[in-house]
Amino acid sequence: MRTVALVLLVAVLATGCAGPFMFRKSHWTVQEVKDWYPEYRKDPQSWDGILYQGSSSKWHHYVARLISWDNWVTIQIRRTDLVVADERPYPVPSSAGLGYYFVDPNRDFVKLRESR
């Protein structure tokens, strides 16, 4: 019983120190990203889009950096939930940096500009 209590305590502390739930979340719906994005943009140091990292067999992969939090938000959206016009492979090749291009979720994930 004591071991179970210790494991629960460690789990609670680890979860509490990892930050707010939305920042640890990785699987998102299109609507969740659209709802979250305006809050992200309120930070004056946030990127002006989220970075598309490519598509795998099941997911479209994106990332956003929370500069004031010095944290990264990983966003994975099911391929069946979103059509990506300029689809590229995931994982990102090292020559592409962190991702391929920035998108605006509020404009149906339209491509804004290349990442470089």
PDB file of N, CA and C in Angstrom:
ATOM      1  N   MET A   1       0.811  -1.184   0.000  1.00  0.00           N
ATOM      2  CA  MET A   1       0.000   0.000   0.000  1.00  0.00           C
ATOM      3  C   MET A   1       0.863   1.261   0.000  1.00  0.00           C
ATOM      4  N   ARG A   2       1.944   1.185   0.721  1.00  0.00           N
ATOM      5  CA  ARG A   2       2.843   2.321   0.798  1.00  0.00           C
ATOM      6  C   ARG A   2       3.494   2.605  -0.552  1.00  0.00           C
ATOM      7  N   THR A   3       3.808   1.557  -1.297  1.00  0.00           N
ATOM      8  CA  THR A   3       4.401   1.709  -2.623  1.00  0.00           C
ATOM      9  C   THR A   3       3.420   2.392  -3.572  1.00  0.00           C
ATOM     10  N   VAL A   4       2.170   2.006  -3.507  1.00  0.00           N
ATOM     11  CA  VAL A   4       1.140   2.609  -4.360  1.00  0.00           C
ATOM     12  C   VAL A   4       1.012   4.099  -4.052  1.00  0.00           C
ATOM     13  N   ALA A   5       0.995   4.453  -2.784  1.00  0.00           N
ATOM     14  CA  ALA A   5       0.892   5.857  -2.390  1.00  0.00           C
ATOM     15  C   ALA A   5       2.093   6.651  -2.890  1.00  0.00           C
ATOM     16  N   LEU A   6       3.281   6.075  -2.799  1.00  0.00           N
ATOM     17  CA  LEU A   6       4.488   6.745  -3.268  1.00  0.00           C
ATOM     18  C   LEU A   6       4.444   6.948  -4.784  1.00  0.00           C
ATOM     19  N   VAL A   7       4.016   5.932  -5.511  1.00  0.00           N
ATOM     20  CA  VAL A   7       3.910   6.030  -6.969  1.00  0.00           C
ATOM     21  C   VAL A   7       2.901   7.116  -7.348  1.00  0.00           C
ATOM     22  N   LEU A   8       1.768   7.154  -6.664  1.00  0.00           N
ATOM     23  CA  LEU A   8       0.766   8.187  -6.945  1.00  0.00           C
ATOM     24  C   LEU A   8       1.305   9.584  -6.652  1.00  0.00           C
ATOM     25  N   LEU A   9       2.010   9.728  -5.563  1.00  0.00           N
ATOM     26  CA  LEU A   9       2.591  11.021  -5.209  1.00  0.00           C
ATOM     27  C   LEU A   9       3.583  11.483  -6.272  1.00  0.00           C
ATOM     28  N   VAL A  10       4.446  10.609  -6.703  1.00  0.00           N
ATOM     29  CA  VAL A  10       5.426  10.945  -7.735  1.00  0.00           C
ATOM     30  C   VAL A  10       4.714  11.320  -9.037  1.00  0.00           C
ATOM     31  N   ALA A  11       3.679  10.580  -9.405  1.00  0.00           N
ATOM     32  CA  ALA A  11       2.927  10.874 -10.631  1.00  0.00           C
ATOM     33  C   ALA A  11       2.264  12.245 -10.555  1.00  0.00           C
ATOM     34  N   VAL A  12       1.683  12.566  -9.412  1.00  0.00           N
ATOM     35  CA  VAL A  12       1.024  13.866  -9.241  1.00  0.00           C
ATOM     36  C   VAL A  12       2.046  14.992  -9.322  1.00  0.00           C
ATOM     37  N   LEU A  13       3.173  14.835  -8.653  1.00  0.00           N
ATOM     38  CA  LEU A  13       4.206  15.865  -8.687  1.00  0.00           C
ATOM     39  C   LEU A  13       4.773  16.039 -10.087  1.00  0.00           C
ATOM     40  N   ALA A  14       5.029  14.957 -10.782  1.00  0.00           N
ATOM     41  CA  ALA A  14       5.566  15.037 -12.143  1.00  0.00           C
ATOM     42  C   ALA A  14       4.584  15.708 -13.079  1.00  0.00           C
ATOM     43  N   THR A  15       3.326  15.382 -12.949  1.00  0.00           N
ATOM     44  CA  THR A  15       2.303  15.987 -13.792  1.00  0.00           C
ATOM     45  C   THR A  15       2.139  17.459 -13.465  1.00  0.00           C
ATOM     46  N   GLY A  16       2.148  17.799 -12.217  1.00  0.00           N
ATOM     47  CA  GLY A  16       1.988  19.187 -11.807  1.00  0.00           C
ATOM     48  C   GLY A  16       3.142  20.064 -12.247  1.00  0.00           C
ATOM     49  N   CYS A  17       4.329  19.527 -12.317  1.00  0.00           N
ATOM     50  CA  CYS A  17       5.493  20.306 -12.706  1.00  0.00           C
ATOM     51  C   CYS A  17       5.662  20.408 -14.213  1.00  0.00           C
ATOM     52  N   ALA A  18       4.901  19.644 -14.954  1.00  0.00           N
ATOM     53  CA  ALA A  18       5.065  19.624 -16.410  1.00  0.00           C
ATOM     54  C   ALA A  18       4.321  20.759 -17.091  1.00  0.00           C
ATOM     55  N   GLY A  19       3.535  21.522 -16.383  1.00  0.00           N
ATOM     56  CA  GLY A  19       2.848  22.658 -16.979  1.00  0.00           C
ATOM     57  C   GLY A  19       1.398  22.360 -17.264  1.00  0.00           C
ATOM     58  N   PRO A  20       0.689  23.358 -17.783  1.00  0.00           N
ATOM     59  CA  PRO A  20      -0.732  23.203 -18.069  1.00  0.00           C
ATOM     60  C   PRO A  20      -1.015  22.082 -19.066  1.00  0.00           C
ATOM     61  N   PHE A  21      -2.182  21.474 -18.935  1.00  0.00           N
ATOM     62  CA  PHE A  21      -2.554  20.324 -19.758  1.00  0.00           C
ATOM     63  C   PHE A  21      -2.440  20.604 -21.251  1.00  0.00           C
ATOM     64  N   MET A  22      -2.906  21.748 -21.709  1.00  0.00           N
ATOM     65  CA  MET A  22      -2.927  22.029 -23.142  1.00  0.00           C
ATOM     66  C   MET A  22      -1.526  22.022 -23.734  1.00  0.00           C
ATOM     67  N   PHE A  23      -0.507  22.343 -22.942  1.00  0.00           N
ATOM     68  CA  PHE A  23       0.846  22.381 -23.461  1.00  0.00           C
ATOM     69  C   PHE A  23       1.474  21.001 -23.523  1.00  0.00           C
ATOM     70  N   ARG A  24       0.940  20.033 -22.793  1.00  0.00           N
ATOM     71  CA  ARG A  24       1.455  18.669 -22.826  1.00  0.00           C
ATOM     72  C   ARG A  24       0.691  17.823 -23.821  1.00  0.00           C
ATOM     73  N   LYS A  25      -0.469  18.275 -24.201  1.00  0.00           N
ATOM     74  CA  LYS A  25      -1.333  17.559 -25.118  1.00  0.00           C
ATOM     75  C   LYS A  25      -0.633  17.444 -26.472  1.00  0.00           C
ATOM     76  N   SER A  26      -0.805  16.328 -27.163  1.00  0.00           N
ATOM     77  CA  SER A  26      -0.216  16.217 -28.497  1.00  0.00           C
ATOM     78  C   SER A  26      -1.262  15.925 -29.573  1.00  0.00           C
ATOM     79  N   HIS A  27      -2.290  15.151 -29.272  1.00  0.00           N
ATOM     80  CA  HIS A  27      -3.335  14.854 -30.253  1.00  0.00           C
ATOM     81  C   HIS A  27      -4.438  15.900 -30.145  1.00  0.00           C
ATOM     82  N   TRP A  28      -4.657  16.635 -31.214  1.00  0.00           N
ATOM     83  CA  TRP A  28      -5.596  17.749 -31.233  1.00  0.00           C
ATOM     84  C   TRP A  28      -6.630  17.541 -32.332  1.00  0.00           C
ATOM     85  N   THR A  29      -7.780  18.170 -32.162  1.00  0.00           N
ATOM     86  CA  THR A  29      -8.737  18.272 -33.258  1.00  0.00           C
ATOM     87  C   THR A  29      -8.477  19.612 -33.952  1.00  0.00           C
ATOM     88  N   VAL A  30      -8.993  19.747 -35.154  1.00  0.00           N
ATOM     89  CA  VAL A  30      -8.855  21.006 -35.877  1.00  0.00           C
ATOM     90  C   VAL A  30      -9.466  22.143 -35.053  1.00  0.00           C
ATOM     91  N   GLN A  31     -10.630  21.915 -34.491  1.00  0.00           N
ATOM     92  CA  GLN A  31     -11.300  22.966 -33.713  1.00  0.00           C
ATOM     93  C   GLN A  31     -10.521  23.332 -32.457  1.00  0.00           C
ATOM     94  N   GLU A  32      -9.911  22.376 -31.802  1.00  0.00           N
ATOM     95  CA  GLU A  32      -9.102  22.678 -30.610  1.00  0.00           C
ATOM     96  C   GLU A  32      -7.943  23.602 -30.967  1.00  0.00           C
ATOM     97  N   VAL A  33      -7.300  23.354 -32.103  1.00  0.00           N
ATOM     98  CA  VAL A  33      -6.186  24.213 -32.528  1.00  0.00           C
ATOM     99  C   VAL A  33      -6.703  25.614 -32.846  1.00  0.00           C
ATOM    100  N   LYS A  34      -7.833  25.683 -33.550  1.00  0.00           N
ATOM    101  CA  LYS A  34      -8.417  26.988 -33.881  1.00  0.00           C
ATOM    102  C   LYS A  34      -8.815  27.750 -32.626  1.00  0.00           C
ATOM    103  N   ASP A  35      -9.307  27.073 -31.619  1.00  0.00           N
ATOM    104  CA  ASP A  35      -9.692  27.711 -30.359  1.00  0.00           C
ATOM    105  C   ASP A  35      -8.467  28.159 -29.559  1.00  0.00           C
ATOM    106  N   TRP A  36      -7.400  27.379 -29.604  1.00  0.00           N
ATOM    107  CA  TRP A  36      -6.189  27.655 -28.837  1.00  0.00           C
ATOM    108  C   TRP A  36      -5.343  28.759 -29.469  1.00  0.00           C
ATOM    109  N   TYR A  37      -5.322  28.822 -30.784  1.00  0.00           N
ATOM    110  CA  TYR A  37      -4.414  29.708 -31.513  1.00  0.00           C
ATOM    111  C   TYR A  37      -4.526  31.185 -31.119  1.00  0.00           C
ATOM    112  N   PRO A  38      -5.707  31.775 -30.955  1.00  0.00           N
ATOM    113  CA  PRO A  38      -5.774  33.188 -30.548  1.00  0.00           C
ATOM    114  C   PRO A  38      -5.099  33.446 -29.194  1.00  0.00           C
ATOM    115  N   GLU A  39      -5.207  32.511 -28.264  1.00  0.00           N
ATOM    116  CA  GLU A  39      -4.518  32.658 -26.979  1.00  0.00           C
ATOM    117  C   GLU A  39      -3.006  32.624 -27.171  1.00  0.00           C
ATOM    118  N   TYR A  40      -2.539  31.730 -28.022  1.00  0.00           N
ATOM    119  CA  TYR A  40      -1.113  31.625 -28.333  1.00  0.00           C
ATOM    120  C   TYR A  40      -0.604  32.936 -28.925  1.00  0.00           C
ATOM    121  N   ARG A  41      -1.367  33.531 -29.820  1.00  0.00           N
ATOM    122  CA  ARG A  41      -0.952  34.753 -30.513  1.00  0.00           C
ATOM    123  C   ARG A  41      -0.926  35.974 -29.599  1.00  0.00           C
ATOM    124  N   LYS A  42      -1.544  35.892 -28.420  1.00  0.00           N
ATOM    125  CA  LYS A  42      -1.520  37.020 -27.493  1.00  0.00           C
ATOM    126  C   LYS A  42      -0.124  37.297 -26.961  1.00  0.00           C
ATOM    127  N   ASP A  43       0.720  36.277 -26.940  1.00  0.00           N
ATOM    128  CA  ASP A  43       2.101  36.464 -26.497  1.00  0.00           C
ATOM    129  C   ASP A  43       2.836  37.239 -27.595  1.00  0.00           C
ATOM    130  N   PRO A  44       3.383  38.418 -27.287  1.00  0.00           N
ATOM    131  CA  PRO A  44       4.033  39.232 -28.324  1.00  0.00           C
ATOM    132  C   PRO A  44       5.243  38.553 -28.961  1.00  0.00           C
ATOM    133  N   GLN A  45       5.779  37.540 -28.311  1.00  0.00           N
ATOM    134  CA  GLN A  45       6.942  36.850 -28.866  1.00  0.00           C
ATOM    135  C   GLN A  45       6.579  35.539 -29.569  1.00  0.00           C
ATOM    136  N   SER A  46       5.298  35.228 -29.677  1.00  0.00           N
ATOM    137  CA  SER A  46       4.900  33.979 -30.328  1.00  0.00           C
ATOM    138  C   SER A  46       5.149  34.074 -31.829  1.00  0.00           C
ATOM    139  N   TRP A  47       5.281  32.926 -32.457  1.00  0.00           N
ATOM    140  CA  TRP A  47       5.397  32.889 -33.914  1.00  0.00           C
ATOM    141  C   TRP A  47       4.096  33.398 -34.515  1.00  0.00           C
ATOM    142  N   ASP A  48       4.150  33.877 -35.750  1.00  0.00           N
ATOM    143  CA  ASP A  48       2.926  34.347 -36.397  1.00  0.00           C
ATOM    144  C   ASP A  48       2.220  33.227 -37.160  1.00  0.00           C
ATOM    145  N   GLY A  49       2.454  32.017 -36.764  1.00  0.00           N
ATOM    146  CA  GLY A  49       1.819  30.834 -37.331  1.00  0.00           C
ATOM    147  C   GLY A  49       2.328  29.633 -36.559  1.00  0.00           C
ATOM    148  N   ILE A  50       1.811  28.457 -36.900  1.00  0.00           N
ATOM    149  CA  ILE A  50       2.403  27.243 -36.330  1.00  0.00           C
ATOM    150  C   ILE A  50       3.145  26.542 -37.451  1.00  0.00           C
ATOM    151  N   LEU A  51       4.179  25.832 -37.108  1.00  0.00           N
ATOM    152  CA  LEU A  51       5.083  25.252 -38.095  1.00  0.00           C
ATOM    153  C   LEU A  51       4.638  23.846 -38.479  1.00  0.00           C
ATOM    154  N   TYR A  52       4.396  23.646 -39.767  1.00  0.00           N
ATOM    155  CA  TYR A  52       4.033  22.331 -40.296  1.00  0.00           C
ATOM    156  C   TYR A  52       5.302  21.492 -40.397  1.00  0.00           C
ATOM    157  N   GLN A  53       5.266  20.304 -39.790  1.00  0.00           N
ATOM    158  CA  GLN A  53       6.435  19.433 -39.764  1.00  0.00           C
ATOM    159  C   GLN A  53       6.314  18.243 -40.709  1.00  0.00           C
ATOM    160  N   GLY A  54       5.211  18.110 -41.381  1.00  0.00           N
ATOM    161  CA  GLY A  54       5.032  17.004 -42.314  1.00  0.00           C
ATOM    162  C   GLY A  54       3.882  16.110 -41.895  1.00  0.00           C
ATOM    163  N   SER A  55       3.636  15.109 -42.727  1.00  0.00           N
ATOM    164  CA  SER A  55       2.522  14.192 -42.494  1.00  0.00           C
ATOM    165  C   SER A  55       3.019  12.750 -42.509  1.00  0.00           C
ATOM    166  N   SER A  56       2.523  11.977 -41.554  1.00  0.00           N
ATOM    167  CA  SER A  56       2.810  10.546 -41.494  1.00  0.00           C
ATOM    168  C   SER A  56       1.569   9.803 -41.986  1.00  0.00           C
ATOM    169  N   SER A  57       1.546   8.516 -41.846  1.00  0.00           N
ATOM    170  CA  SER A  57       0.403   7.750 -42.348  1.00  0.00           C
ATOM    171  C   SER A  57      -0.896   8.057 -41.609  1.00  0.00           C
ATOM    172  N   LYS A  58      -0.824   8.523 -40.363  1.00  0.00           N
ATOM    173  CA  LYS A  58      -2.032   8.790 -39.576  1.00  0.00           C
ATOM    174  C   LYS A  58      -2.216  10.248 -39.172  1.00  0.00           C
ATOM    175  N   TRP A  59      -1.146  11.033 -39.164  1.00  0.00           N
ATOM    176  CA  TRP A  59      -1.191  12.363 -38.566  1.00  0.00           C
ATOM    177  C   TRP A  59      -0.551  13.420 -39.454  1.00  0.00           C
ATOM    178  N   HIS A  60      -1.044  14.676 -39.291  1.00  0.00           N
ATOM    179  CA  HIS A  60      -0.340  15.867 -39.755  1.00  0.00           C
ATOM    180  C   HIS A  60       0.339  16.422 -38.502  1.00  0.00           C
ATOM    181  N   HIS A  61       1.609  16.746 -38.603  1.00  0.00           N
ATOM    182  CA  HIS A  61       2.405  17.161 -37.440  1.00  0.00           C
ATOM    183  C   HIS A  61       2.748  18.648 -37.518  1.00  0.00           C
ATOM    184  N   TYR A  62       2.542  19.328 -36.391  1.00  0.00           N
ATOM    185  CA  TYR A  62       2.844  20.761 -36.273  1.00  0.00           C
ATOM    186  C   TYR A  62       3.557  20.997 -34.946  1.00  0.00           C
ATOM    187  N   VAL A  63       4.210  22.172 -34.847  1.00  0.00           N
ATOM    188  CA  VAL A  63       4.851  22.562 -33.596  1.00  0.00           C
ATOM    189  C   VAL A  63       4.732  24.081 -33.455  1.00  0.00           C
ATOM    190  N   ALA A  64       4.617  24.528 -32.214  1.00  0.00           N
ATOM    191  CA  ALA A  64       4.613  25.958 -31.907  1.00  0.00           C
ATOM    192  C   ALA A  64       5.484  26.164 -30.680  1.00  0.00           C
ATOM    193  N   ARG A  65       6.171  27.269 -30.650  1.00  0.00           N
ATOM    194  CA  ARG A  65       7.036  27.554 -29.510  1.00  0.00           C
ATOM    195  C   ARG A  65       6.403  28.620 -28.642  1.00  0.00           C
ATOM    196  N   LEU A  66       6.321  28.323 -27.375  1.00  0.00           N
ATOM    197  CA  LEU A  66       5.850  29.290 -26.390  1.00  0.00           C
ATOM    198  C   LEU A  66       7.087  29.944 -25.805  1.00  0.00           C
ATOM    199  N   ILE A  67       7.480  31.055 -26.368  1.00  0.00           N
ATOM    200  CA  ILE A  67       8.748  31.680 -26.010  1.00  0.00           C
ATOM    201  C   ILE A  67       8.759  32.115 -24.553  1.00  0.00           C
ATOM    202  N   SER A  68       7.690  32.759 -24.111  1.00  0.00           N
ATOM    203  CA  SER A  68       7.688  33.228 -22.724  1.00  0.00           C
ATOM    204  C   SER A  68       7.682  32.063 -21.737  1.00  0.00           C
ATOM    205  N   TRP A  69       7.226  30.901 -22.194  1.00  0.00           N
ATOM    206  CA  TRP A  69       7.223  29.712 -21.339  1.00  0.00           C
ATOM    207  C   TRP A  69       8.469  28.865 -21.604  1.00  0.00           C
ATOM    208  N   ASP A  70       9.229  29.192 -22.672  1.00  0.00           N
ATOM    209  CA  ASP A  70      10.357  28.381 -23.122  1.00  0.00           C
ATOM    210  C   ASP A  70       9.932  26.919 -23.214  1.00  0.00           C
ATOM    211  N   ASN A  71       8.858  26.705 -23.944  1.00  0.00           N
ATOM    212  CA  ASN A  71       8.240  25.393 -24.057  1.00  0.00           C
ATOM    213  C   ASN A  71       7.772  25.194 -25.492  1.00  0.00           C
ATOM    214  N   TRP A  72       7.587  23.962 -25.885  1.00  0.00           N
ATOM    215  CA  TRP A  72       7.122  23.634 -27.229  1.00  0.00           C
ATOM    216  C   TRP A  72       5.774  22.938 -27.140  1.00  0.00           C
ATOM    217  N   VAL A  73       4.894  23.279 -28.056  1.00  0.00           N
ATOM    218  CA  VAL A  73       3.594  22.630 -28.160  1.00  0.00           C
ATOM    219  C   VAL A  73       3.643  21.729 -29.392  1.00  0.00           C
ATOM    220  N   THR A  74       3.438  20.449 -29.181  1.00  0.00           N
ATOM    221  CA  THR A  74       3.381  19.487 -30.271  1.00  0.00           C
ATOM    222  C   THR A  74       1.924  19.274 -30.636  1.00  0.00           C
ATOM    223  N   ILE A  75       1.619  19.439 -31.917  1.00  0.00           N
ATOM    224  CA  ILE A  75       0.238  19.323 -32.381  1.00  0.00           C
ATOM    225  C   ILE A  75       0.174  18.252 -33.458  1.00  0.00           C
ATOM    226  N   GLN A  76      -0.627  17.239 -33.201  1.00  0.00           N
ATOM    227  CA  GLN A  76      -0.853  16.182 -34.187  1.00  0.00           C
ATOM    228  C   GLN A  76      -2.354  16.134 -34.473  1.00  0.00           C
ATOM    229  N   ILE A  77      -2.694  16.275 -35.755  1.00  0.00           N
ATOM    230  CA  ILE A  77      -4.090  16.249 -36.180  1.00  0.00           C
ATOM    231  C   ILE A  77      -4.279  15.067 -37.118  1.00  0.00           C
ATOM    232  N   ARG A  78      -5.335  14.314 -36.898  1.00  0.00           N
ATOM    233  CA  ARG A  78      -5.608  13.152 -37.756  1.00  0.00           C
ATOM    234  C   ARG A  78      -5.709  13.565 -39.223  1.00  0.00           C
ATOM    235  N   ARG A  79      -5.103  12.767 -40.090  1.00  0.00           N
ATOM    236  CA  ARG A  79      -5.161  13.036 -41.532  1.00  0.00           C
ATOM    237  C   ARG A  79      -6.594  13.074 -42.032  1.00  0.00           C
ATOM    238  N   THR A  80      -7.453  12.274 -41.425  1.00  0.00           N
ATOM    239  CA  THR A  80      -8.845  12.229 -41.864  1.00  0.00           C
ATOM    240  C   THR A  80      -9.617  13.496 -41.494  1.00  0.00           C
ATOM    241  N   ASP A  81      -9.059  14.322 -40.601  1.00  0.00           N
ATOM    242  CA  ASP A  81      -9.748  15.529 -40.142  1.00  0.00           C
ATOM    243  C   ASP A  81      -9.307  16.806 -40.844  1.00  0.00           C
ATOM    244  N   LEU A  82      -8.223  16.735 -41.609  1.00  0.00           N
ATOM    245  CA  LEU A  82      -7.678  17.948 -42.223  1.00  0.00           C
ATOM    246  C   LEU A  82      -7.011  17.605 -43.552  1.00  0.00           C
ATOM    247  N   VAL A  83      -7.311  18.383 -44.579  1.00  0.00           N
ATOM    248  CA  VAL A  83      -6.658  18.241 -45.877  1.00  0.00           C
ATOM    249  C   VAL A  83      -5.530  19.269 -45.932  1.00  0.00           C
ATOM    250  N   VAL A  84      -4.327  18.806 -46.212  1.00  0.00           N
ATOM    251  CA  VAL A  84      -3.156  19.678 -46.324  1.00  0.00           C
ATOM    252  C   VAL A  84      -2.791  19.764 -47.796  1.00  0.00           C
ATOM    253  N   ALA A  85      -2.841  20.983 -48.364  1.00  0.00           N
ATOM    254  CA  ALA A  85      -2.603  21.168 -49.797  1.00  0.00           C
ATOM    255  C   ALA A  85      -1.157  20.840 -50.187  1.00  0.00           C
ATOM    256  N   ASP A  86      -0.201  21.291 -49.392  1.00  0.00           N
ATOM    257  CA  ASP A  86       1.220  21.073 -49.688  1.00  0.00           C
ATOM    258  C   ASP A  86       1.766  20.061 -48.683  1.00  0.00           C
ATOM    259  N   GLU A  87       1.398  18.814 -48.869  1.00  0.00           N
ATOM    260  CA  GLU A  87       1.778  17.758 -47.930  1.00  0.00           C
ATOM    261  C   GLU A  87       3.218  17.317 -48.183  1.00  0.00           C
ATOM    262  N   ARG A  88       3.953  17.149 -47.088  1.00  0.00           N
ATOM    263  CA  ARG A  88       5.363  16.744 -47.175  1.00  0.00           C
ATOM    264  C   ARG A  88       5.616  15.650 -46.149  1.00  0.00           C
ATOM    265  N   PRO A  89       6.715  14.903 -46.317  1.00  0.00           N
ATOM    266  CA  PRO A  89       6.955  13.756 -45.434  1.00  0.00           C
ATOM    267  C   PRO A  89       7.344  14.154 -44.004  1.00  0.00           C
ATOM    268  N   TYR A  90       6.957  13.293 -43.075  1.00  0.00           N
ATOM    269  CA  TYR A  90       7.351  13.409 -41.678  1.00  0.00           C
ATOM    270  C   TYR A  90       8.070  12.124 -41.327  1.00  0.00           C
ATOM    271  N   PRO A  91       9.159  12.112 -40.630  1.00  0.00           N
ATOM    272  CA  PRO A  91       9.781  13.237 -39.960  1.00  0.00           C
ATOM    273  C   PRO A  91      10.482  14.175 -40.934  1.00  0.00           C
ATOM    274  N   VAL A  92      10.702  15.384 -40.462  1.00  0.00           N
ATOM    275  CA  VAL A  92      11.332  16.421 -41.257  1.00  0.00           C
ATOM    276  C   VAL A  92      12.791  16.057 -41.505  1.00  0.00           C
ATOM    277  N   PRO A  93      13.244  16.131 -42.764  1.00  0.00           N
ATOM    278  CA  PRO A  93      14.677  15.904 -43.000  1.00  0.00           C
ATOM    279  C   PRO A  93      15.499  17.002 -42.313  1.00  0.00           C
ATOM    280  N   SER A  94      16.706  16.685 -41.910  1.00  0.00           N
ATOM    281  CA  SER A  94      17.523  17.640 -41.156  1.00  0.00           C
ATOM    282  C   SER A  94      17.753  18.933 -41.938  1.00  0.00           C
ATOM    283  N   SER A  95      17.707  18.896 -43.256  1.00  0.00           N
ATOM    284  CA  SER A  95      17.930  20.101 -44.051  1.00  0.00           C
ATOM    285  C   SER A  95      16.755  21.076 -43.961  1.00  0.00           C
ATOM    286  N   ALA A  96      15.603  20.621 -43.467  1.00  0.00           N
ATOM    287  CA  ALA A  96      14.422  21.476 -43.382  1.00  0.00           C
ATOM    288  C   ALA A  96      14.293  22.160 -42.019  1.00  0.00           C
ATOM    289  N   GLY A  97      15.226  21.951 -41.114  1.00  0.00           N
ATOM    290  CA  GLY A  97      15.137  22.552 -39.796  1.00  0.00           C
ATOM    291  C   GLY A  97      14.038  21.906 -38.970  1.00  0.00           C
ATOM    292  N   LEU A  98      13.274  22.696 -38.239  1.00  0.00           N
ATOM    293  CA  LEU A  98      12.195  22.165 -37.396  1.00  0.00           C
ATOM    294  C   LEU A  98      10.958  21.782 -38.194  1.00  0.00           C
ATOM    295  N   GLY A  99      10.805  22.368 -39.354  1.00  0.00           N
ATOM    296  CA  GLY A  99       9.616  22.103 -40.148  1.00  0.00           C
ATOM    297  C   GLY A  99       9.721  22.753 -41.511  1.00  0.00           C
ATOM    298  N   TYR A 100       8.669  22.603 -42.283  1.00  0.00           N
ATOM    299  CA  TYR A 100       8.674  23.077 -43.662  1.00  0.00           C
ATOM    300  C   TYR A 100       8.168  24.503 -43.824  1.00  0.00           C
ATOM    301  N   TYR A 101       6.981  24.774 -43.288  1.00  0.00           N
ATOM    302  CA  TYR A 101       6.386  26.096 -43.469  1.00  0.00           C
ATOM    303  C   TYR A 101       5.388  26.396 -42.355  1.00  0.00           C
ATOM    304  N   PHE A 102       5.104  27.700 -42.203  1.00  0.00           N
ATOM    305  CA  PHE A 102       4.163  28.156 -41.191  1.00  0.00           C
ATOM    306  C   PHE A 102       2.755  28.198 -41.764  1.00  0.00           C
ATOM    307  N   VAL A 103       1.768  27.888 -40.911  1.00  0.00           N
ATOM    308  CA  VAL A 103       0.368  27.920 -41.318  1.00  0.00           C
ATOM    309  C   VAL A 103      -0.429  28.772 -40.338  1.00  0.00           C
ATOM    310  N   ASP A 104      -1.593  29.206 -40.795  1.00  0.00           N
ATOM    311  CA  ASP A 104      -2.519  29.950 -39.941  1.00  0.00           C
ATOM    312  C   ASP A 104      -3.750  29.082 -39.715  1.00  0.00           C
ATOM    313  N   PRO A 105      -3.925  28.542 -38.507  1.00  0.00           N
ATOM    314  CA  PRO A 105      -5.080  27.694 -38.223  1.00  0.00           C
ATOM    315  C   PRO A 105      -6.418  28.405 -38.408  1.00  0.00           C
ATOM    316  N   ASN A 106      -6.433  29.724 -38.183  1.00  0.00           N
ATOM    317  CA  ASN A 106      -7.686  30.461 -38.302  1.00  0.00           C
ATOM    318  C   ASN A 106      -8.101  30.693 -39.752  1.00  0.00           C
ATOM    319  N   ARG A 107      -7.228  30.408 -40.670  1.00  0.00           N
ATOM    320  CA  ARG A 107      -7.552  30.507 -42.091  1.00  0.00           C
ATOM    321  C   ARG A 107      -7.438  29.119 -42.723  1.00  0.00           C
ATOM    322  N   ASP A 108      -7.968  28.124 -42.038  1.00  0.00           N
ATOM    323  CA  ASP A 108      -7.977  26.730 -42.515  1.00  0.00           C
ATOM    324  C   ASP A 108      -6.586  26.197 -42.805  1.00  0.00           C
ATOM    325  N   PHE A 109      -5.635  26.562 -41.960  1.00  0.00           N
ATOM    326  CA  PHE A 109      -4.264  26.052 -42.023  1.00  0.00           C
ATOM    327  C   PHE A 109      -3.574  26.418 -43.346  1.00  0.00           C
ATOM    328  N   VAL A 110      -3.903  27.576 -43.891  1.00  0.00           N
ATOM    329  CA  VAL A 110      -3.309  28.028 -45.131  1.00  0.00           C
ATOM    330  C   VAL A 110      -1.818  28.293 -44.897  1.00  0.00           C
ATOM    331  N   LYS A 111      -1.016  27.974 -45.887  1.00  0.00           N
ATOM    332  CA  LYS A 111       0.430  28.188 -45.823  1.00  0.00           C
ATOM    333  C   LYS A 111       0.731  29.685 -45.821  1.00  0.00           C
ATOM    334  N   LEU A 112       1.518  30.140 -44.849  1.00  0.00           N
ATOM    335  CA  LEU A 112       1.894  31.553 -44.742  1.00  0.00           C
ATOM    336  C   LEU A 112       3.221  31.835 -45.436  1.00  0.00           C
ATOM    337  N   ARG A 113       4.212  31.012 -45.106  1.00  0.00           N
ATOM    338  CA  ARG A 113       5.558  31.213 -45.673  1.00  0.00           C
ATOM    339  C   ARG A 113       6.418  30.003 -45.337  1.00  0.00           C
ATOM    340  N   GLU A 114       7.475  29.806 -46.090  1.00  0.00           N
ATOM    341  CA  GLU A 114       8.439  28.741 -45.810  1.00  0.00           C
ATOM    342  C   GLU A 114       9.139  29.064 -44.488  1.00  0.00           C
ATOM    343  N   SER A 115       9.664  28.043 -43.842  1.00  0.00           N
ATOM    344  CA  SER A 115      10.306  28.267 -42.540  1.00  0.00           C
ATOM    345  C   SER A 115      11.660  28.933 -42.652  1.00  0.00           C
ATOM    346  N   ARG A 116      12.246  28.912 -43.815  1.00  0.00           N
ATOM    347  CA  ARG A 116      13.558  29.564 -44.002  1.00  0.00           C
ATOM    348  C   ARG A 116      13.450  30.711 -44.938  1.00  0.00           C
TER     349      ARG A 116
END
